[in-house]
Amino acid sequence: MSNDQTGQIKTRQRPAAVILTPTAEARVAKLMLEAPEDAIGVKLSTPRRGCSGLAYSVDYVTEADAFDERIETPGGVFYIDGASVLYLVGSIMDWQEDDFTAGFVFENPNATGSCGCGESFTV
């Protein structure tokens, strides 16, 4: 931080914990168009489950938590669970579809391993 000429402290905006690709942002926008009336955004968390210990979970959120990371996207607000941020910092979130599957995929530099099906990871 530094002072500008008026004596005000300038703060540098910190980068988002997770980078959403344009297709992920488009999917968030589509989800928000179809969201329940009380939804204020979409939230990513990493609950404990699966073969490797942690899984990615994306759900609607109805109220903000002060500890959640908040990312503004063109289609709505994307939240990251405050307890999950450390497992996700530097990750890239994408949306991929083909003839057989559709879903969010993650490139997570913090993951040290994952299960064979790709549903869970370990740090």
C-alpha atoms as a PDB file:
ATOM      1  CA  MET A   1       0.000   0.000   0.000  1.00  0.00           C
ATOM      2  CA  SER A   2       1.129   3.541  -0.657  1.00  0.00           C
ATOM      3  CA  ASN A   3      -0.168   7.053  -0.201  1.00  0.00           C
ATOM      4  CA  ASP A   4      -1.357   9.064  -3.196  1.00  0.00           C
ATOM      5  CA  GLN A   5      -0.942  12.852  -3.455  1.00  0.00           C
ATOM      6  CA  THR A   6      -4.075  13.509  -1.377  1.00  0.00           C
ATOM      7  CA  GLY A   7      -2.759  11.418   1.494  1.00  0.00           C
ATOM      8  CA  GLN A   8      -5.264   8.633   0.813  1.00  0.00           C
ATOM      9  CA  ILE A   9      -3.971   5.103   1.067  1.00  0.00           C
ATOM     10  CA  LYS A  10      -4.157   3.257  -2.227  1.00  0.00           C
ATOM     11  CA  THR A  11      -4.783  -0.447  -2.048  1.00  0.00           C
ATOM     12  CA  ARG A  12      -3.966  -2.848  -4.810  1.00  0.00           C
ATOM     13  CA  GLN A  13      -6.815  -5.105  -5.831  1.00  0.00           C
ATOM     14  CA  ARG A  14      -5.841  -8.690  -5.116  1.00  0.00           C
ATOM     15  CA  PRO A  15      -6.344 -11.328  -7.769  1.00  0.00           C
ATOM     16  CA  ALA A  16      -9.268 -13.715  -7.478  1.00  0.00           C
ATOM     17  CA  ALA A  17      -8.524 -17.025  -5.743  1.00  0.00           C
ATOM     18  CA  VAL A  18      -9.986 -18.920  -8.725  1.00  0.00           C
ATOM     19  CA  ILE A  19      -9.983 -17.849 -12.351  1.00  0.00           C
ATOM     20  CA  LEU A  20     -13.158 -18.628 -14.268  1.00  0.00           C
ATOM     21  CA  THR A  21     -12.821 -19.222 -17.990  1.00  0.00           C
ATOM     22  CA  PRO A  22     -15.309 -17.492 -20.304  1.00  0.00           C
ATOM     23  CA  THR A  23     -17.253 -20.766 -20.646  1.00  0.00           C
ATOM     24  CA  ALA A  24     -17.418 -21.127 -16.848  1.00  0.00           C
ATOM     25  CA  GLU A  25     -18.656 -17.536 -16.559  1.00  0.00           C
ATOM     26  CA  ALA A  26     -21.276 -18.256 -19.223  1.00  0.00           C
ATOM     27  CA  ARG A  27     -22.427 -21.309 -17.259  1.00  0.00           C
ATOM     28  CA  VAL A  28     -22.678 -19.253 -14.057  1.00  0.00           C
ATOM     29  CA  ALA A  29     -24.816 -16.750 -15.998  1.00  0.00           C
ATOM     30  CA  LYS A  30     -27.085 -19.560 -17.251  1.00  0.00           C
ATOM     31  CA  LEU A  31     -27.379 -20.980 -13.738  1.00  0.00           C
ATOM     32  CA  MET A  32     -28.345 -17.555 -12.391  1.00  0.00           C
ATOM     33  CA  LEU A  33     -31.028 -17.171 -15.070  1.00  0.00           C
ATOM     34  CA  GLU A  34     -32.515 -20.476 -13.902  1.00  0.00           C
ATOM     35  CA  ALA A  35     -31.829 -19.905 -10.184  1.00  0.00           C
ATOM     36  CA  PRO A  36     -34.405 -20.155  -7.434  1.00  0.00           C
ATOM     37  CA  GLU A  37     -35.849 -16.769  -6.519  1.00  0.00           C
ATOM     38  CA  ASP A  38     -33.867 -16.490  -3.275  1.00  0.00           C
ATOM     39  CA  ALA A  39     -30.451 -17.310  -4.822  1.00  0.00           C
ATOM     40  CA  ILE A  40     -27.896 -14.494  -4.687  1.00  0.00           C
ATOM     41  CA  GLY A  41     -25.140 -16.370  -6.507  1.00  0.00           C
ATOM     42  CA  VAL A  42     -23.347 -19.628  -7.132  1.00  0.00           C
ATOM     43  CA  LYS A  43     -20.866 -21.027  -4.598  1.00  0.00           C
ATOM     44  CA  LEU A  44     -17.872 -23.342  -4.934  1.00  0.00           C
ATOM     45  CA  SER A  45     -16.840 -25.388  -1.916  1.00  0.00           C
ATOM     46  CA  THR A  46     -14.677 -28.429  -1.215  1.00  0.00           C
ATOM     47  CA  PRO A  47     -16.551 -30.758   1.136  1.00  0.00           C
ATOM     48  CA  ARG A  48     -14.814 -33.836   2.503  1.00  0.00           C
ATOM     49  CA  ARG A  49     -15.930 -36.807   0.435  1.00  0.00           C
ATOM     50  CA  GLY A  50     -14.811 -39.184  -2.260  1.00  0.00           C
ATOM     51  CA  CYS A  51     -11.846 -41.539  -2.463  1.00  0.00           C
ATOM     52  CA  SER A  52      -9.185 -38.833  -2.149  1.00  0.00           C
ATOM     53  CA  GLY A  53     -10.706 -36.726   0.616  1.00  0.00           C
ATOM     54  CA  LEU A  54     -12.013 -33.481  -0.959  1.00  0.00           C
ATOM     55  CA  ALA A  55     -14.514 -32.931  -3.755  1.00  0.00           C
ATOM     56  CA  TYR A  56     -15.605 -29.900  -5.760  1.00  0.00           C
ATOM     57  CA  SER A  57     -19.179 -28.817  -5.116  1.00  0.00           C
ATOM     58  CA  VAL A  58     -21.037 -26.007  -6.910  1.00  0.00           C
ATOM     59  CA  ASP A  59     -24.404 -24.949  -5.520  1.00  0.00           C
ATOM     60  CA  TYR A  60     -26.728 -21.984  -5.306  1.00  0.00           C
ATOM     61  CA  VAL A  61     -26.197 -19.716  -2.318  1.00  0.00           C
ATOM     62  CA  THR A  62     -28.981 -17.740  -0.634  1.00  0.00           C
ATOM     63  CA  GLU A  63     -26.960 -15.587   1.757  1.00  0.00           C
ATOM     64  CA  ALA A  64     -23.435 -14.241   1.773  1.00  0.00           C
ATOM     65  CA  ASP A  65     -20.941 -15.361   4.387  1.00  0.00           C
ATOM     66  CA  ALA A  66     -18.393 -12.735   5.468  1.00  0.00           C
ATOM     67  CA  PHE A  67     -15.558 -15.266   5.054  1.00  0.00           C
ATOM     68  CA  ASP A  68     -16.456 -16.259   1.488  1.00  0.00           C
ATOM     69  CA  GLU A  69     -14.415 -14.997  -1.448  1.00  0.00           C
ATOM     70  CA  ARG A  70     -16.655 -13.004  -3.792  1.00  0.00           C
ATOM     71  CA  ILE A  71     -16.004 -12.808  -7.554  1.00  0.00           C
ATOM     72  CA  GLU A  72     -18.147 -10.595  -9.763  1.00  0.00           C
ATOM     73  CA  THR A  73     -18.856 -12.198 -13.155  1.00  0.00           C
ATOM     74  CA  PRO A  74     -20.903 -10.767 -16.031  1.00  0.00           C
ATOM     75  CA  GLY A  75     -23.762 -13.151 -15.229  1.00  0.00           C
ATOM     76  CA  GLY A  76     -23.812 -13.015 -11.453  1.00  0.00           C
ATOM     77  CA  VAL A  77     -21.819 -13.320  -8.270  1.00  0.00           C
ATOM     78  CA  PHE A  78     -19.596 -16.355  -7.795  1.00  0.00           C
ATOM     79  CA  TYR A  79     -18.642 -17.229  -4.220  1.00  0.00           C
ATOM     80  CA  ILE A  80     -15.863 -19.452  -2.920  1.00  0.00           C
ATOM     81  CA  ASP A  81     -16.339 -20.977   0.497  1.00  0.00           C
ATOM     82  CA  GLY A  82     -13.946 -19.283   2.921  1.00  0.00           C
ATOM     83  CA  ALA A  83     -12.761 -22.626   4.330  1.00  0.00           C
ATOM     84  CA  SER A  84     -12.003 -23.895   0.805  1.00  0.00           C
ATOM     85  CA  VAL A  85      -9.974 -20.961  -0.513  1.00  0.00           C
ATOM     86  CA  LEU A  86      -6.629 -22.384   0.644  1.00  0.00           C
ATOM     87  CA  TYR A  87      -7.255 -25.573  -1.346  1.00  0.00           C
ATOM     88  CA  LEU A  88      -8.217 -23.616  -4.472  1.00  0.00           C
ATOM     89  CA  VAL A  89      -5.876 -20.604  -4.753  1.00  0.00           C
ATOM     90  CA  GLY A  90      -4.513 -20.378  -8.289  1.00  0.00           C
ATOM     91  CA  SER A  91      -7.069 -22.791  -9.748  1.00  0.00           C
ATOM     92  CA  ILE A  92      -8.771 -22.404 -13.099  1.00  0.00           C
ATOM     93  CA  MET A  93     -12.423 -23.395 -13.347  1.00  0.00           C
ATOM     94  CA  ASP A  94     -13.863 -24.295 -16.743  1.00  0.00           C
ATOM     95  CA  TRP A  95     -17.157 -25.655 -18.065  1.00  0.00           C
ATOM     96  CA  GLN A  96     -16.898 -28.494 -20.564  1.00  0.00           C
ATOM     97  CA  GLU A  97     -19.568 -30.347 -22.500  1.00  0.00           C
ATOM     98  CA  ASP A  98     -19.443 -33.208 -24.951  1.00  0.00           C
ATOM     99  CA  ASP A  99     -21.900 -35.814 -26.202  1.00  0.00           C
ATOM    100  CA  PHE A 100     -21.783 -37.772 -22.952  1.00  0.00           C
ATOM    101  CA  THR A 101     -20.922 -35.434 -20.082  1.00  0.00           C
ATOM    102  CA  ALA A 102     -21.158 -31.834 -18.981  1.00  0.00           C
ATOM    103  CA  GLY A 103     -19.678 -30.218 -15.919  1.00  0.00           C
ATOM    104  CA  PHE A 104     -17.233 -27.910 -14.296  1.00  0.00           C
ATOM    105  CA  VAL A 105     -13.611 -29.036 -14.490  1.00  0.00           C
ATOM    106  CA  PHE A 106     -10.767 -27.726 -12.371  1.00  0.00           C
ATOM    107  CA  GLU A 107      -7.089 -27.205 -12.981  1.00  0.00           C
ATOM    108  CA  ASN A 108      -5.879 -27.045  -9.386  1.00  0.00           C
ATOM    109  CA  PRO A 109      -2.147 -26.493  -8.730  1.00  0.00           C
ATOM    110  CA  ASN A 110      -2.670 -27.373  -5.049  1.00  0.00           C
ATOM    111  CA  ALA A 111      -3.933 -30.901  -5.713  1.00  0.00           C
ATOM    112  CA  THR A 112      -1.284 -33.534  -5.073  1.00  0.00           C
ATOM    113  CA  GLY A 113      -3.467 -36.399  -6.245  1.00  0.00           C
ATOM    114  CA  SER A 114      -6.940 -37.372  -7.349  1.00  0.00           C
ATOM    115  CA  CYS A 115      -9.064 -40.457  -7.551  1.00  0.00           C
ATOM    116  CA  GLY A 116      -9.400 -42.428 -10.755  1.00  0.00           C
ATOM    117  CA  CYS A 117     -12.787 -41.002 -11.626  1.00  0.00           C
ATOM    118  CA  GLY A 118     -11.663 -37.405 -11.045  1.00  0.00           C
ATOM    119  CA  GLU A 119     -14.453 -36.651  -8.588  1.00  0.00           C
ATOM    120  CA  SER A 120     -12.199 -35.974  -5.611  1.00  0.00           C
ATOM    121  CA  PHE A 121      -8.695 -34.709  -4.891  1.00  0.00           C
ATOM    122  CA  THR A 122      -6.135 -34.455  -2.126  1.00  0.00           C
ATOM    123  CA  VAL A 123      -3.804 -31.599  -1.146  1.00  0.00           C
END
